[in-house]
Structure formats: structure tokens, C-alpha cells
């Protein structure tokens, strides 16, 4: 079983473009981490997996992307 990989980014504002930017940055970070570990996966494949959102105790919004070793679709 492979380890799960995750990346998160804080959303800087309520502007929808800020959410898109945070998701792109987290997805790029995740892709780079996977590639450093010798796992060849494209940005597009990771983007198909989607993202989740959460709010911390201070009310700050976060986006999260994760890869558990399975492919999208």
C-alpha cells in the first residue's frame, strides 16, 4: 500500500479566483512531491481528483488536494 500524499493552501479571500489559485498551487505542490518520489502523474490527472475545503479555528478557509495511489476516473 502506498502512502497518501497531500497538499494544502490557504485561500486568501472569498473571491472565486482566489480559490482557483489556491487549488492550482496545492495541485502543483502535490505533483512536484509525487515526482520527487518517482511517481509520474500529470497536473491534469491530479486535477480530475478534485479538492476539499475546510475552515480552521480562526475562520480561515483552506483547500486540500490528495492522492492515495489510485487514478482518477
PDB file of N, CA and C in Angstrom:
ATOM      1  N   UNK A   1       0.847  -1.186   0.000  1.00  0.00           N
ATOM      2  CA  UNK A   1       0.000   0.000   0.000  1.00  0.00           C
ATOM      3  C   UNK A   1       0.883   1.235   0.000  1.00  0.00           C
ATOM      4  N   UNK A   2       0.596   2.189  -0.861  1.00  0.00           N
ATOM      5  CA  UNK A   2       1.393   3.407  -0.931  1.00  0.00           C
ATOM      6  C   UNK A   2       0.899   4.423   0.087  1.00  0.00           C
ATOM      7  N   UNK A   3       1.813   5.311   0.456  1.00  0.00           N
ATOM      8  CA  UNK A   3       1.424   6.337   1.420  1.00  0.00           C
ATOM      9  C   UNK A   3       0.560   7.389   0.740  1.00  0.00           C
ATOM     10  N   UNK A   4      -0.336   8.007   1.468  1.00  0.00           N
ATOM     11  CA  UNK A   4      -1.132   9.087   0.879  1.00  0.00           C
ATOM     12  C   UNK A   4      -0.290  10.356   0.762  1.00  0.00           C
ATOM     13  N   UNK A   5      -0.531  11.106  -0.258  1.00  0.00           N
ATOM     14  CA  UNK A   5       0.145  12.382  -0.467  1.00  0.00           C
ATOM     15  C   UNK A   5      -0.905  13.478  -0.388  1.00  0.00           C
ATOM     16  N   UNK A   6      -0.546  14.604   0.245  1.00  0.00           N
ATOM     17  CA  UNK A   6      -1.496  15.708   0.398  1.00  0.00           C
ATOM     18  C   UNK A   6      -0.774  17.040   0.299  1.00  0.00           C
ATOM     19  N   UNK A   7      -1.512  18.051  -0.113  1.00  0.00           N
ATOM     20  CA  UNK A   7      -1.013  19.426  -0.115  1.00  0.00           C
ATOM     21  C   UNK A   7      -2.195  20.340   0.191  1.00  0.00           C
ATOM     22  N   UNK A   8      -1.923  21.409   0.908  1.00  0.00           N
ATOM     23  CA  UNK A   8      -2.975  22.367   1.280  1.00  0.00           C
ATOM     24  C   UNK A   8      -2.496  23.788   1.034  1.00  0.00           C
ATOM     25  N   UNK A   9      -3.446  24.653   0.791  1.00  0.00           N
ATOM     26  CA  UNK A   9      -3.159  26.073   0.633  1.00  0.00           C
ATOM     27  C   UNK A   9      -4.262  26.892   1.295  1.00  0.00           C
ATOM     28  N   UNK A  10      -3.863  27.988   1.902  1.00  0.00           N
ATOM     29  CA  UNK A  10      -4.820  28.918   2.485  1.00  0.00           C
ATOM     30  C   UNK A  10      -5.438  29.750   1.369  1.00  0.00           C
ATOM     31  N   UNK A  11      -6.738  29.975   1.452  1.00  0.00           N
ATOM     32  CA  UNK A  11      -7.439  30.810   0.474  1.00  0.00           C
ATOM     33  C   UNK A  11      -7.379  32.237   0.995  1.00  0.00           C
ATOM     34  N   UNK A  12      -6.827  33.132   0.187  1.00  0.00           N
ATOM     35  CA  UNK A  12      -6.542  34.490   0.634  1.00  0.00           C
ATOM     36  C   UNK A  12      -7.758  35.410   0.708  1.00  0.00           C
ATOM     37  N   UNK A  13      -8.836  35.083  -0.008  1.00  0.00           N
ATOM     38  CA  UNK A  13     -10.038  35.929   0.034  1.00  0.00           C
ATOM     39  C   UNK A  13     -11.242  35.099  -0.397  1.00  0.00           C
ATOM     40  N   UNK A  14     -12.423  35.683  -0.334  1.00  0.00           N
ATOM     41  CA  UNK A  14     -13.638  34.999  -0.771  1.00  0.00           C
ATOM     42  C   UNK A  14     -13.845  35.064  -2.281  1.00  0.00           C
ATOM     43  N   UNK A  15     -12.965  35.751  -2.968  1.00  0.00           N
ATOM     44  CA  UNK A  15     -13.029  35.861  -4.418  1.00  0.00           C
ATOM     45  C   UNK A  15     -12.863  34.464  -5.029  1.00  0.00           C
ATOM     46  N   UNK A  16     -13.742  34.064  -5.942  1.00  0.00           N
ATOM     47  CA  UNK A  16     -13.623  32.736  -6.563  1.00  0.00           C
ATOM     48  C   UNK A  16     -12.260  32.490  -7.210  1.00  0.00           C
ATOM     49  N   UNK A  17     -11.654  33.527  -7.762  1.00  0.00           N
ATOM     50  CA  UNK A  17     -10.333  33.362  -8.382  1.00  0.00           C
ATOM     51  C   UNK A  17      -9.275  33.005  -7.338  1.00  0.00           C
ATOM     52  N   UNK A  18      -9.447  33.475  -6.096  1.00  0.00           N
ATOM     53  CA  UNK A  18      -8.502  33.125  -5.027  1.00  0.00           C
ATOM     54  C   UNK A  18      -8.581  31.633  -4.705  1.00  0.00           C
ATOM     55  N   UNK A  19      -9.776  31.078  -4.785  1.00  0.00           N
ATOM     56  CA  UNK A  19      -9.941  29.635  -4.561  1.00  0.00           C
ATOM     57  C   UNK A  19      -9.255  28.862  -5.678  1.00  0.00           C
ATOM     58  N   UNK A  20      -9.471  29.271  -6.904  1.00  0.00           N
ATOM     59  CA  UNK A  20      -8.857  28.608  -8.062  1.00  0.00           C
ATOM     60  C   UNK A  20      -7.333  28.667  -7.945  1.00  0.00           C
ATOM     61  N   UNK A  21      -6.807  29.818  -7.579  1.00  0.00           N
ATOM     62  CA  UNK A  21      -5.359  29.976  -7.435  1.00  0.00           C
ATOM     63  C   UNK A  21      -4.817  29.054  -6.345  1.00  0.00           C
ATOM     64  N   UNK A  22      -5.498  28.989  -5.213  1.00  0.00           N
ATOM     65  CA  UNK A  22      -5.052  28.128  -4.117  1.00  0.00           C
ATOM     66  C   UNK A  22      -5.076  26.657  -4.533  1.00  0.00           C
ATOM     67  N   UNK A  23      -6.115  26.243  -5.249  1.00  0.00           N
ATOM     68  CA  UNK A  23      -6.203  24.850  -5.713  1.00  0.00           C
ATOM     69  C   UNK A  23      -5.075  24.557  -6.698  1.00  0.00           C
ATOM     70  N   UNK A  24      -4.816  25.477  -7.621  1.00  0.00           N
ATOM     71  CA  UNK A  24      -3.725  25.266  -8.585  1.00  0.00           C
ATOM     72  C   UNK A  24      -2.384  25.130  -7.876  1.00  0.00           C
ATOM     73  N   UNK A  25      -2.129  26.010  -6.892  1.00  0.00           N
ATOM     74  CA  UNK A  25      -0.861  25.967  -6.164  1.00  0.00           C
ATOM     75  C   UNK A  25      -0.722  24.659  -5.382  1.00  0.00           C
ATOM     76  N   UNK A  26      -1.780  24.233  -4.725  1.00  0.00           N
ATOM     77  CA  UNK A  26      -1.724  22.982  -3.963  1.00  0.00           C
ATOM     78  C   UNK A  26      -1.535  21.791  -4.900  1.00  0.00           C
ATOM     79  N   UNK A  27      -2.205  21.802  -6.043  1.00  0.00           N
ATOM     80  CA  UNK A  27      -2.075  20.715  -7.009  1.00  0.00           C
ATOM     81  C   UNK A  27      -0.662  20.656  -7.575  1.00  0.00           C
ATOM     82  N   UNK A  28      -0.078  21.812  -7.865  1.00  0.00           N
ATOM     83  CA  UNK A  28       1.301  21.846  -8.355  1.00  0.00           C
ATOM     84  C   UNK A  28       2.275  21.323  -7.304  1.00  0.00           C
ATOM     85  N   UNK A  29       2.069  21.713  -6.054  1.00  0.00           N
ATOM     86  CA  UNK A  29       2.918  21.223  -4.972  1.00  0.00           C
ATOM     87  C   UNK A  29       2.818  19.706  -4.844  1.00  0.00           C
ATOM     88  N   UNK A  30       1.605  19.197  -4.920  1.00  0.00           N
ATOM     89  CA  UNK A  30       1.386  17.755  -4.822  1.00  0.00           C
ATOM     90  C   UNK A  30       2.064  17.026  -5.979  1.00  0.00           C
ATOM     91  N   UNK A  31       1.910  17.537  -7.188  1.00  0.00           N
ATOM     92  CA  UNK A  31       2.552  16.917  -8.359  1.00  0.00           C
ATOM     93  C   UNK A  31       4.070  16.899  -8.187  1.00  0.00           C
ATOM     94  N   UNK A  32       4.635  18.009  -7.717  1.00  0.00           N
ATOM     95  CA  UNK A  32       6.088  18.082  -7.520  1.00  0.00           C
ATOM     96  C   UNK A  32       6.554  17.079  -6.468  1.00  0.00           C
ATOM     97  N   UNK A  33       5.806  16.932  -5.385  1.00  0.00           N
ATOM     98  CA  UNK A  33       6.160  15.978  -4.339  1.00  0.00           C
ATOM     99  C   UNK A  33       6.115  14.547  -4.882  1.00  0.00           C
ATOM    100  N   UNK A  34       5.087  14.233  -5.645  1.00  0.00           N
ATOM    101  CA  UNK A  34       4.979  12.907  -6.239  1.00  0.00           C
ATOM    102  C   UNK A  34       6.144  12.636  -7.183  1.00  0.00           C
ATOM    103  N   UNK A  35       6.483  13.615  -8.011  1.00  0.00           N
ATOM    104  CA  UNK A  35       7.576  13.435  -8.958  1.00  0.00           C
ATOM    105  C   UNK A  35       8.909  13.258  -8.241  1.00  0.00           C
ATOM    106  N   UNK A  36       9.112  13.956  -7.119  1.00  0.00           N
ATOM    107  CA  UNK A  36      10.342  13.769  -6.334  1.00  0.00           C
ATOM    108  C   UNK A  36      10.453  12.333  -5.818  1.00  0.00           C
ATOM    109  N   UNK A  37       9.312  11.717  -5.564  1.00  0.00           N
ATOM    110  CA  UNK A  37       9.305  10.327  -5.104  1.00  0.00           C
ATOM    111  C   UNK A  37       9.234   9.325  -6.252  1.00  0.00           C
ATOM    112  N   UNK A  38       9.423   9.806  -7.485  1.00  0.00           N
ATOM    113  CA  UNK A  38       9.471   8.923  -8.642  1.00  0.00           C
ATOM    114  C   UNK A  38       8.123   8.493  -9.182  1.00  0.00           C
ATOM    115  N   UNK A  39       7.070   9.202  -8.803  1.00  0.00           N
ATOM    116  CA  UNK A  39       5.723   8.873  -9.277  1.00  0.00           C
ATOM    117  C   UNK A  39       5.358   9.848 -10.388  1.00  0.00           C
ATOM    118  N   UNK A  40       5.137   9.326 -11.577  1.00  0.00           N
ATOM    119  CA  UNK A  40       4.846  10.154 -12.740  1.00  0.00           C
ATOM    120  C   UNK A  40       3.338  10.328 -12.888  1.00  0.00           C
ATOM    121  N   UNK A  41       2.869  11.498 -12.508  1.00  0.00           N
ATOM    122  CA  UNK A  41       1.444  11.809 -12.629  1.00  0.00           C
ATOM    123  C   UNK A  41       1.333  13.250 -13.120  1.00  0.00           C
ATOM    124  N   UNK A  42       0.401  13.498 -14.004  1.00  0.00           N
ATOM    125  CA  UNK A  42       0.267  14.829 -14.585  1.00  0.00           C
ATOM    126  C   UNK A  42      -0.604  15.736 -13.710  1.00  0.00           C
ATOM    127  N   UNK A  43      -0.441  17.024 -13.910  1.00  0.00           N
ATOM    128  CA  UNK A  43      -1.276  18.013 -13.237  1.00  0.00           C
ATOM    129  C   UNK A  43      -2.741  17.744 -13.568  1.00  0.00           C
ATOM    130  N   UNK A  44      -3.025  17.434 -14.823  1.00  0.00           N
ATOM    131  CA  UNK A  44      -4.398  17.187 -15.258  1.00  0.00           C
ATOM    132  C   UNK A  44      -5.011  15.988 -14.535  1.00  0.00           C
ATOM    133  N   UNK A  45      -4.228  14.908 -14.375  1.00  0.00           N
ATOM    134  CA  UNK A  45      -4.744  13.740 -13.666  1.00  0.00           C
ATOM    135  C   UNK A  45      -5.072  14.083 -12.217  1.00  0.00           C
ATOM    136  N   UNK A  46      -4.200  14.849 -11.564  1.00  0.00           N
ATOM    137  CA  UNK A  46      -4.464  15.253 -10.186  1.00  0.00           C
ATOM    138  C   UNK A  46      -5.673  16.172 -10.109  1.00  0.00           C
ATOM    139  N   UNK A  47      -5.811  17.060 -11.084  1.00  0.00           N
ATOM    140  CA  UNK A  47      -6.940  17.995 -11.082  1.00  0.00           C
ATOM    141  C   UNK A  47      -8.272  17.249 -11.190  1.00  0.00           C
ATOM    142  N   UNK A  48      -8.285  16.136 -11.892  1.00  0.00           N
ATOM    143  CA  UNK A  48      -9.511  15.345 -12.030  1.00  0.00           C
ATOM    144  C   UNK A  48      -9.978  14.761 -10.692  1.00  0.00           C
ATOM    145  N   UNK A  49      -9.048  14.617  -9.763  1.00  0.00           N
ATOM    146  CA  UNK A  49      -9.413  14.073  -8.452  1.00  0.00           C
ATOM    147  C   UNK A  49     -10.170  15.074  -7.594  1.00  0.00           C
ATOM    148  N   UNK A  50     -10.095  16.344  -7.946  1.00  0.00           N
ATOM    149  CA  UNK A  50     -10.824  17.370  -7.212  1.00  0.00           C
ATOM    150  C   UNK A  50     -10.089  17.820  -5.964  1.00  0.00           C
ATOM    151  N   UNK A  51     -10.803  18.564  -5.118  1.00  0.00           N
ATOM    152  CA  UNK A  51     -10.218  19.086  -3.887  1.00  0.00           C
ATOM    153  C   UNK A  51     -11.292  19.140  -2.810  1.00  0.00           C
ATOM    154  N   UNK A  52     -10.853  19.343  -1.594  1.00  0.00           N
ATOM    155  CA  UNK A  52     -11.786  19.556  -0.487  1.00  0.00           C
ATOM    156  C   UNK A  52     -11.468  20.907   0.143  1.00  0.00           C
ATOM    157  N   UNK A  53     -12.380  21.409   0.943  1.00  0.00           N
ATOM    158  CA  UNK A  53     -12.185  22.689   1.623  1.00  0.00           C
ATOM    159  C   UNK A  53     -12.507  22.538   3.091  1.00  0.00           C
ATOM    160  N   UNK A  54     -11.849  23.350   3.897  1.00  0.00           N
ATOM    161  CA  UNK A  54     -12.123  23.361   5.331  1.00  0.00           C
ATOM    162  C   UNK A  54     -11.849  24.760   5.878  1.00  0.00           C
ATOM    163  N   UNK A  55     -12.303  24.971   7.093  1.00  0.00           N
ATOM    164  CA  UNK A  55     -12.053  26.228   7.800  1.00  0.00           C
ATOM    165  C   UNK A  55     -11.388  25.872   9.116  1.00  0.00           C
ATOM    166  N   UNK A  56     -10.340  26.620   9.467  1.00  0.00           N
ATOM    167  CA  UNK A  56      -9.662  26.345  10.726  1.00  0.00           C
ATOM    168  C   UNK A  56     -10.353  27.070  11.882  1.00  0.00           C
ATOM    169  N   UNK A  57      -9.801  26.946  13.073  1.00  0.00           N
ATOM    170  CA  UNK A  57     -10.396  27.533  14.270  1.00  0.00           C
ATOM    171  C   UNK A  57     -10.455  29.047  14.254  1.00  0.00           C
ATOM    172  N   UNK A  58      -9.672  29.672  13.381  1.00  0.00           N
ATOM    173  CA  UNK A  58      -9.674  31.130  13.261  1.00  0.00           C
ATOM    174  C   UNK A  58     -10.573  31.604  12.124  1.00  0.00           C
ATOM    175  N   UNK A  59     -11.272  30.676  11.493  1.00  0.00           N
ATOM    176  CA  UNK A  59     -12.176  31.031  10.401  1.00  0.00           C
ATOM    177  C   UNK A  59     -11.505  31.158   9.048  1.00  0.00           C
ATOM    178  N   UNK A  60     -10.247  30.742   8.953  1.00  0.00           N
ATOM    179  CA  UNK A  60      -9.519  30.820   7.686  1.00  0.00           C
ATOM    180  C   UNK A  60      -9.881  29.629   6.803  1.00  0.00           C
ATOM    181  N   UNK A  61     -10.152  29.899   5.546  1.00  0.00           N
ATOM    182  CA  UNK A  61     -10.534  28.873   4.578  1.00  0.00           C
ATOM    183  C   UNK A  61      -9.283  28.242   3.966  1.00  0.00           C
ATOM    184  N   UNK A  62      -9.305  26.913   3.818  1.00  0.00           N
ATOM    185  CA  UNK A  62      -8.208  26.150   3.239  1.00  0.00           C
ATOM    186  C   UNK A  62      -8.737  25.225   2.146  1.00  0.00           C
ATOM    187  N   UNK A  63      -7.899  24.959   1.143  1.00  0.00           N
ATOM    188  CA  UNK A  63      -8.200  23.929   0.147  1.00  0.00           C
ATOM    189  C   UNK A  63      -7.168  22.818   0.300  1.00  0.00           C
ATOM    190  N   UNK A  64      -7.596  21.591   0.003  1.00  0.00           N
ATOM    191  CA  UNK A  64      -6.744  20.424   0.158  1.00  0.00           C
ATOM    192  C   UNK A  64      -6.866  19.546  -1.084  1.00  0.00           C
ATOM    193  N   UNK A  65      -5.735  19.046  -1.537  1.00  0.00           N
ATOM    194  CA  UNK A  65      -5.719  18.059  -2.610  1.00  0.00           C
ATOM    195  C   UNK A  65      -4.962  16.844  -2.097  1.00  0.00           C
ATOM    196  N   UNK A  66      -5.365  15.676  -2.546  1.00  0.00           N
ATOM    197  CA  UNK A  66      -4.740  14.457  -2.052  1.00  0.00           C
ATOM    198  C   UNK A  66      -4.694  13.410  -3.143  1.00  0.00           C
ATOM    199  N   UNK A  67      -3.708  12.519  -3.036  1.00  0.00           N
ATOM    200  CA  UNK A  67      -3.557  11.387  -3.949  1.00  0.00           C
ATOM    201  C   UNK A  67      -3.224  10.178  -3.100  1.00  0.00           C
ATOM    202  N   UNK A  68      -3.989   9.122  -3.262  1.00  0.00           N
ATOM    203  CA  UNK A  68      -3.781   7.928  -2.439  1.00  0.00           C
ATOM    204  C   UNK A  68      -3.228   6.744  -3.236  1.00  0.00           C
ATOM    205  N   UNK A  69      -2.774   7.031  -4.431  1.00  0.00           N
ATOM    206  CA  UNK A  69      -2.192   5.968  -5.247  1.00  0.00           C
ATOM    207  C   UNK A  69      -3.125   5.434  -6.307  1.00  0.00           C
ATOM    208  N   UNK A  70      -4.358   5.894  -6.321  1.00  0.00           N
ATOM    209  CA  UNK A  70      -5.293   5.457  -7.352  1.00  0.00           C
ATOM    210  C   UNK A  70      -5.466   6.554  -8.390  1.00  0.00           C
ATOM    211  N   UNK A  71      -5.871   6.173  -9.548  1.00  0.00           N
ATOM    212  CA  UNK A  71      -6.055   7.129 -10.636  1.00  0.00           C
ATOM    213  C   UNK A  71      -7.494   7.639 -10.671  1.00  0.00           C
ATOM    214  N   UNK A  72      -7.658   8.832 -11.183  1.00  0.00           N
ATOM    215  CA  UNK A  72      -8.995   9.406 -11.321  1.00  0.00           C
ATOM    216  C   UNK A  72      -9.770   8.619 -12.371  1.00  0.00           C
ATOM    217  N   UNK A  73     -11.113   8.682 -12.249  1.00  0.00           N
ATOM    218  CA  UNK A  73     -11.955   8.069 -13.251  1.00  0.00           C
ATOM    219  C   UNK A  73     -12.342   6.724 -12.838  1.00  0.00           C
TER     220      UNK A  73
END
